[in-house]
Protein backbone atom coordinates (compact mmCIF):
# COMPACT_ATOMS: atom_id res chain seq x y z
CA MET A 1 -0.27 -0.42 0.05
CA MET A 2 1.14 3.93 -0.79
CA ASN A 3 0.13 6.92 0.08
CA THR A 4 -0.07 10.14 -1.24
CA LYS A 5 3.48 11.10 0.54
CA MET A 6 5.28 7.89 -0.65
CA LEU A 7 4.43 8.75 -3.96
CA ALA A 8 5.52 12.15 -3.65
CA SER A 9 8.61 11.16 -2.51
CA LEU A 10 9.26 8.64 -5.42
CA CYS A 11 8.99 10.75 -7.95
CA ALA A 12 10.75 13.35 -6.89
CA ALA A 13 13.40 11.31 -5.69
CA ALA A 14 13.42 9.56 -9.50
CA ALA A 15 14.07 13.29 -11.17
CA PHE A 16 17.31 13.05 -9.65
CA LEU A 17 18.52 9.61 -11.01
CA PRO A 18 21.52 10.32 -13.22
CA LEU A 19 21.20 9.41 -16.78
CA SER A 20 24.04 7.79 -18.18
CA ALA A 21 26.08 8.49 -21.60
CA GLN A 22 24.30 5.47 -23.24
CA ALA A 23 21.00 5.81 -22.14
CA THR A 24 18.54 2.56 -22.74
CA THR A 25 14.52 2.03 -22.02
CA SER A 26 15.25 -1.68 -20.91
CA GLN A 27 13.27 -3.07 -18.15
CA GLU A 28 16.37 -4.25 -16.43
CA GLU A 29 17.32 -1.04 -16.18
CA ALA A 30 13.80 0.84 -15.30
CA THR A 31 13.46 -2.29 -12.72
CA THR A 32 17.25 -1.36 -10.99
CA SER A 33 16.31 2.53 -10.83
CA ALA A 34 13.19 1.58 -8.75
CA ALA A 35 14.61 -0.08 -6.27
CA ALA A 36 17.19 2.44 -5.92
CA ILE A 37 14.11 5.35 -5.10
CA VAL A 38 12.20 2.69 -2.96
CA GLN A 39 15.57 2.14 -1.31
CA VAL A 40 16.26 5.60 -0.79
CA ALA A 41 12.19 6.45 0.22
CA GLN A 42 12.49 4.15 3.13
CA GLY A 43 15.62 4.95 4.38
CA THR A 44 14.48 8.56 4.91
CA GLN A 45 10.92 7.22 6.39
CA ALA A 46 13.01 4.78 8.77
CA GLN A 47 15.17 7.74 10.21
CA ALA A 48 12.45 10.22 11.02
CA PRO A 49 9.89 8.99 13.76
CA ALA A 50 6.43 9.91 13.56
CA VAL A 51 6.32 11.32 17.29
CA GLU A 52 9.59 11.93 19.73
CA ALA A 53 9.23 10.61 22.97
CA ARG A 54 10.03 12.91 26.22
CA LYS A 55 11.59 12.19 29.66
CA GLY A 56 8.65 11.66 31.83
CA SER A 57 6.21 11.31 29.38
CA MET A 58 3.59 7.93 29.68
CA ILE A 59 3.46 5.34 26.91
CA TYR A 60 0.18 3.71 25.86
CA SER A 61 -0.31 0.84 24.39
CA ASN A 62 -4.20 -0.60 22.97
CA GLY A 63 -5.59 2.14 25.08
CA LYS A 64 -3.29 1.43 28.39
CA ARG A 65 -0.02 2.43 30.35
CA ILE A 66 2.47 0.53 30.03
CA GLY A 67 5.25 2.92 31.27
CA GLN A 68 7.09 5.96 31.66
CA VAL A 69 9.81 6.96 29.66
CA PHE A 70 12.77 7.96 32.23
CA ARG A 71 15.24 7.55 28.63
CA VAL A 72 15.81 8.57 25.44
CA ARG A 73 18.53 7.61 22.92
CA ASP A 74 19.74 9.38 20.94
CA ASN A 75 18.05 7.42 17.74
CA GLY A 76 14.38 8.52 19.59
CA ASP A 77 14.31 4.88 21.46
CA ALA A 78 12.05 5.65 24.78
CA GLN A 79 13.00 3.76 27.77
CA VAL A 80 10.90 2.28 29.97
CA VAL A 81 10.64 0.48 33.33
CA ILE A 82 8.23 -2.63 33.74
CA ASN A 83 7.82 -5.42 36.26
CA GLY A 84 11.15 -3.44 37.56
CA GLN A 85 12.73 -4.14 34.17
CA SER A 86 14.31 -1.54 31.19
CA HIS A 87 12.65 -2.21 28.34
CA ILE A 88 13.37 -0.32 24.83
CA VAL A 89 10.69 0.86 23.08
CA PRO A 90 11.76 1.61 19.43
CA ALA A 91 11.55 4.94 18.05
CA GLU A 92 9.28 3.88 14.70
CA THR A 93 7.21 2.39 16.51
CA LEU A 94 5.83 5.41 18.78
CA ILE A 95 2.72 7.43 17.64
CA GLU A 96 0.35 9.99 18.64
CA LYS A 97 -3.12 8.49 19.51
CA ASP A 98 -6.00 10.64 21.40
CA GLY A 99 -3.15 13.31 22.40
CA LYS A 100 -1.21 10.68 23.63
CA LEU A 101 2.31 9.25 22.84
CA ALA A 102 1.51 5.81 22.33
CA THR A 103 3.35 3.00 20.62
CA THR A 104 1.93 -0.15 17.48
CA LEU A 105 4.00 -2.94 20.23
CA SER A 106 1.49 -4.62 22.69
CA ARG A 107 2.84 -4.58 26.23
CA SER A 108 4.08 -8.02 25.84
CA GLN A 109 5.70 -7.54 22.88
CA VAL A 110 7.84 -4.54 24.67
CA VAL A 111 8.43 -6.87 26.99
CA SER A 112 9.72 -9.72 25.13
CA SER A 113 11.85 -7.16 23.39
CA ARG A 114 14.90 -6.86 26.53
């Protein structure tokens, strides 16, 4: 599934692909170029978290509190304490839901990903 922003990113990336002096329109070159565009778009999307965690904020999952952020790593991952143990909530799973910081992971997934 591709949303409008992703499609716009792909089109913009395609405009900057270098053209060789002996350009051809073979299917193989088109496939290689398309794959390069997708990699560029995915790389930029993965670097920017949807929501930034802040120390002291509560993280929710499925409408329930799972823990308070006590540390935010340089890469945006949030650290929470659950049952006396530190667990990591990856930055790419953080979202804003109903005005609150939430994760797309379930509580059990966060606990199992020590």
